[in-house]
Amino acid sequence: MNNLTLIISAILATLGSFTMFVSAIGLLRLPDFYSRLSAVTKNSTLGVLLIIAAAVFYFNNIEVLLKGLGIMFFICLTSPTAAYVIAKAAIHINVPFWYKTNLKDFQDDRKKENLNDNH
């Protein structure tokens, strides 16, 4: 294994770890459920993808590459979908938004949705 591969994998792992750290800070510091969900979903997905890419570079094997690409694909597929379903469920059970959140577009969409449900 050459030094360039080690450097690339170390940089990717460090960036992934930093992204996960920022995600944890967002979970603690952001004001409401919806912004926390957004921060955790986006940052943790990116962090996991970077760490998997670091492992693929480090092991430098076609089998690890294929498994890593498969894992990356399913994480990219399931993470946003899960976040959407969780946020939709939170809206359904009336989890409150942060008081400074601009809800004008949201309320307009809810009115349209209610009109479509009545037909």
C-alpha atoms as a PDB file:
ATOM      1  CA  MET A   1       0.000   0.000   0.000  1.00  0.00           C
ATOM      2  CA  ASN A   2       1.421   3.349  -0.965  1.00  0.00           C
ATOM      3  CA  ASN A   3       1.426   6.562   1.010  1.00  0.00           C
ATOM      4  CA  LEU A   4      -1.030   8.350  -1.291  1.00  0.00           C
ATOM      5  CA  THR A   5      -3.720   5.745  -0.579  1.00  0.00           C
ATOM      6  CA  LEU A   6      -3.147   6.119   3.148  1.00  0.00           C
ATOM      7  CA  ILE A   7      -3.316   9.895   2.933  1.00  0.00           C
ATOM      8  CA  ILE A   8      -6.525   9.853   0.899  1.00  0.00           C
ATOM      9  CA  SER A   9      -8.196   7.364   3.227  1.00  0.00           C
ATOM     10  CA  ALA A  10      -7.078   9.355   6.297  1.00  0.00           C
ATOM     11  CA  ILE A  11      -8.435  12.593   4.831  1.00  0.00           C
ATOM     12  CA  LEU A  12     -11.772  10.973   3.955  1.00  0.00           C
ATOM     13  CA  ALA A  13     -12.101   9.370   7.392  1.00  0.00           C
ATOM     14  CA  THR A  14     -11.237  12.659   9.089  1.00  0.00           C
ATOM     15  CA  LEU A  15     -13.758  14.580   6.990  1.00  0.00           C
ATOM     16  CA  GLY A  16     -16.399  11.935   7.701  1.00  0.00           C
ATOM     17  CA  SER A  17     -15.701  12.062  11.415  1.00  0.00           C
ATOM     18  CA  PHE A  18     -15.828  15.862  11.406  1.00  0.00           C
ATOM     19  CA  THR A  19     -19.135  15.801   9.529  1.00  0.00           C
ATOM     20  CA  MET A  20     -20.580  13.366  12.065  1.00  0.00           C
ATOM     21  CA  PHE A  21     -19.329  15.647  14.851  1.00  0.00           C
ATOM     22  CA  VAL A  22     -21.094  18.631  13.258  1.00  0.00           C
ATOM     23  CA  SER A  23     -24.217  16.479  13.053  1.00  0.00           C
ATOM     24  CA  ALA A  24     -24.008  15.764  16.780  1.00  0.00           C
ATOM     25  CA  ILE A  25     -23.592  19.473  17.525  1.00  0.00           C
ATOM     26  CA  GLY A  26     -26.632  20.215  15.362  1.00  0.00           C
ATOM     27  CA  LEU A  27     -28.629  17.640  17.292  1.00  0.00           C
ATOM     28  CA  LEU A  28     -27.792  19.402  20.529  1.00  0.00           C
ATOM     29  CA  ARG A  29     -27.956  23.042  19.449  1.00  0.00           C
ATOM     30  CA  LEU A  30     -30.767  23.423  16.914  1.00  0.00           C
ATOM     31  CA  PRO A  31     -34.089  24.732  18.225  1.00  0.00           C
ATOM     32  CA  ASP A  32     -36.763  22.283  17.075  1.00  0.00           C
ATOM     33  CA  PHE A  33     -37.379  18.720  16.008  1.00  0.00           C
ATOM     34  CA  TYR A  34     -37.544  19.443  12.277  1.00  0.00           C
ATOM     35  CA  SER A  35     -34.261  21.335  12.024  1.00  0.00           C
ATOM     36  CA  ARG A  36     -32.556  18.684  14.165  1.00  0.00           C
ATOM     37  CA  LEU A  37     -33.912  15.963  11.909  1.00  0.00           C
ATOM     38  CA  SER A  38     -32.647  17.786   8.839  1.00  0.00           C
ATOM     39  CA  ALA A  39     -29.170  18.340  10.266  1.00  0.00           C
ATOM     40  CA  VAL A  40     -28.792  14.810  11.525  1.00  0.00           C
ATOM     41  CA  THR A  41     -30.051  13.235   8.310  1.00  0.00           C
ATOM     42  CA  LYS A  42     -27.937  15.250   5.908  1.00  0.00           C
ATOM     43  CA  ASN A  43     -24.716  15.426   7.890  1.00  0.00           C
ATOM     44  CA  SER A  44     -24.722  11.868   9.164  1.00  0.00           C
ATOM     45  CA  THR A  45     -25.434  10.540   5.670  1.00  0.00           C
ATOM     46  CA  LEU A  46     -22.506  12.491   4.270  1.00  0.00           C
ATOM     47  CA  GLY A  47     -20.292  11.440   7.172  1.00  0.00           C
ATOM     48  CA  VAL A  48     -21.072   7.744   6.721  1.00  0.00           C
ATOM     49  CA  LEU A  49     -20.482   8.007   2.971  1.00  0.00           C
ATOM     50  CA  LEU A  50     -17.085   9.618   3.534  1.00  0.00           C
ATOM     51  CA  ILE A  51     -16.068   6.973   6.072  1.00  0.00           C
ATOM     52  CA  ILE A  52     -17.132   4.166   3.732  1.00  0.00           C
ATOM     53  CA  ALA A  53     -15.168   5.823   0.918  1.00  0.00           C
ATOM     54  CA  ALA A  54     -12.145   5.923   3.241  1.00  0.00           C
ATOM     55  CA  ALA A  55     -12.499   2.187   3.888  1.00  0.00           C
ATOM     56  CA  VAL A  56     -12.771   1.505   0.152  1.00  0.00           C
ATOM     57  CA  PHE A  57      -9.570   3.462  -0.497  1.00  0.00           C
ATOM     58  CA  TYR A  58      -7.776   1.874   2.430  1.00  0.00           C
ATOM     59  CA  PHE A  59      -8.492  -1.762   1.536  1.00  0.00           C
ATOM     60  CA  ASN A  60      -8.082  -1.193  -2.222  1.00  0.00           C
ATOM     61  CA  ASN A  61      -9.954  -4.372  -3.136  1.00  0.00           C
ATOM     62  CA  ILE A  62     -12.682  -4.924  -5.727  1.00  0.00           C
ATOM     63  CA  GLU A  63     -14.815  -6.858  -3.227  1.00  0.00           C
ATOM     64  CA  VAL A  64     -14.662  -4.014  -0.710  1.00  0.00           C
ATOM     65  CA  LEU A  65     -15.398  -1.545  -3.506  1.00  0.00           C
ATOM     66  CA  LEU A  66     -18.549  -3.390  -4.560  1.00  0.00           C
ATOM     67  CA  LYS A  67     -19.771  -3.781  -0.990  1.00  0.00           C
ATOM     68  CA  GLY A  68     -18.986  -0.137  -0.253  1.00  0.00           C
ATOM     69  CA  LEU A  69     -20.865   1.050  -3.330  1.00  0.00           C
ATOM     70  CA  GLY A  70     -23.841  -1.103  -2.363  1.00  0.00           C
ATOM     71  CA  ILE A  71     -23.871   0.270   1.165  1.00  0.00           C
ATOM     72  CA  MET A  72     -23.531   3.830  -0.152  1.00  0.00           C
ATOM     73  CA  PHE A  73     -26.410   3.301  -2.571  1.00  0.00           C
ATOM     74  CA  PHE A  74     -28.775   1.994   0.095  1.00  0.00           C
ATOM     75  CA  ILE A  75     -27.825   4.708   2.580  1.00  0.00           C
ATOM     76  CA  CYS A  76     -28.460   7.388  -0.054  1.00  0.00           C
ATOM     77  CA  LEU A  77     -31.768   5.720  -0.871  1.00  0.00           C
ATOM     78  CA  THR A  78     -33.089   5.109   2.637  1.00  0.00           C
ATOM     79  CA  SER A  79     -31.856   8.077   4.659  1.00  0.00           C
ATOM     80  CA  PRO A  80     -33.854  10.836   2.909  1.00  0.00           C
ATOM     81  CA  THR A  81     -36.891   8.577   2.671  1.00  0.00           C
ATOM     82  CA  ALA A  82     -36.782   7.796   6.373  1.00  0.00           C
ATOM     83  CA  ALA A  83     -36.354  11.479   7.242  1.00  0.00           C
ATOM     84  CA  TYR A  84     -39.355  12.371   5.093  1.00  0.00           C
ATOM     85  CA  VAL A  85     -41.544   9.740   6.734  1.00  0.00           C
ATOM     86  CA  ILE A  86     -40.441  10.766  10.231  1.00  0.00           C
ATOM     87  CA  ALA A  87     -41.103  14.466   9.499  1.00  0.00           C
ATOM     88  CA  LYS A  88     -44.491  13.651   7.977  1.00  0.00           C
ATOM     89  CA  ALA A  89     -45.414  11.628  11.076  1.00  0.00           C
ATOM     90  CA  ALA A  90     -44.281  14.494  13.310  1.00  0.00           C
ATOM     91  CA  ILE A  91     -46.474  16.918  11.381  1.00  0.00           C
ATOM     92  CA  HIS A  92     -49.376  14.468  11.626  1.00  0.00           C
ATOM     93  CA  ILE A  93     -49.137  14.284  15.430  1.00  0.00           C
ATOM     94  CA  ASN A  94     -48.629  18.070  15.662  1.00  0.00           C
ATOM     95  CA  VAL A  95     -45.047  18.288  16.903  1.00  0.00           C
ATOM     96  CA  PRO A  96     -44.582  22.052  17.275  1.00  0.00           C
ATOM     97  CA  PHE A  97     -42.315  24.108  15.048  1.00  0.00           C
ATOM     98  CA  TRP A  98     -39.856  26.663  16.414  1.00  0.00           C
ATOM     99  CA  TYR A  99     -41.682  29.926  17.056  1.00  0.00           C
ATOM    100  CA  LYS A 100     -39.522  31.823  14.523  1.00  0.00           C
ATOM    101  CA  THR A 101     -40.224  29.392  11.694  1.00  0.00           C
ATOM    102  CA  ASN A 102     -41.996  30.956   8.704  1.00  0.00           C
ATOM    103  CA  LEU A 103     -44.972  28.663   8.138  1.00  0.00           C
ATOM    104  CA  LYS A 104     -46.723  30.582   5.348  1.00  0.00           C
ATOM    105  CA  ASP A 105     -45.752  28.140   2.569  1.00  0.00           C
ATOM    106  CA  PHE A 106     -46.437  25.188   4.832  1.00  0.00           C
ATOM    107  CA  GLN A 107     -49.921  26.452   5.695  1.00  0.00           C
ATOM    108  CA  ASP A 108     -50.702  27.110   2.020  1.00  0.00           C
ATOM    109  CA  ASP A 109     -49.675  23.541   1.161  1.00  0.00           C
ATOM    110  CA  ARG A 110     -51.781  22.165   4.022  1.00  0.00           C
ATOM    111  CA  LYS A 111     -54.845  24.089   2.740  1.00  0.00           C
ATOM    112  CA  LYS A 112     -54.337  22.669  -0.762  1.00  0.00           C
ATOM    113  CA  GLU A 113     -53.874  19.197   0.690  1.00  0.00           C
ATOM    114  CA  ASN A 114     -57.095  19.507   2.719  1.00  0.00           C
ATOM    115  CA  LEU A 115     -59.007  20.710  -0.359  1.00  0.00           C
ATOM    116  CA  ASN A 116     -57.769  17.713  -2.362  1.00  0.00           C
ATOM    117  CA  ASP A 117     -58.762  15.333   0.446  1.00  0.00           C
ATOM    118  CA  ASN A 118     -62.333  16.650   0.493  1.00  0.00           C
ATOM    119  CA  HIS A 119     -62.924  15.843  -3.193  1.00  0.00           C
END
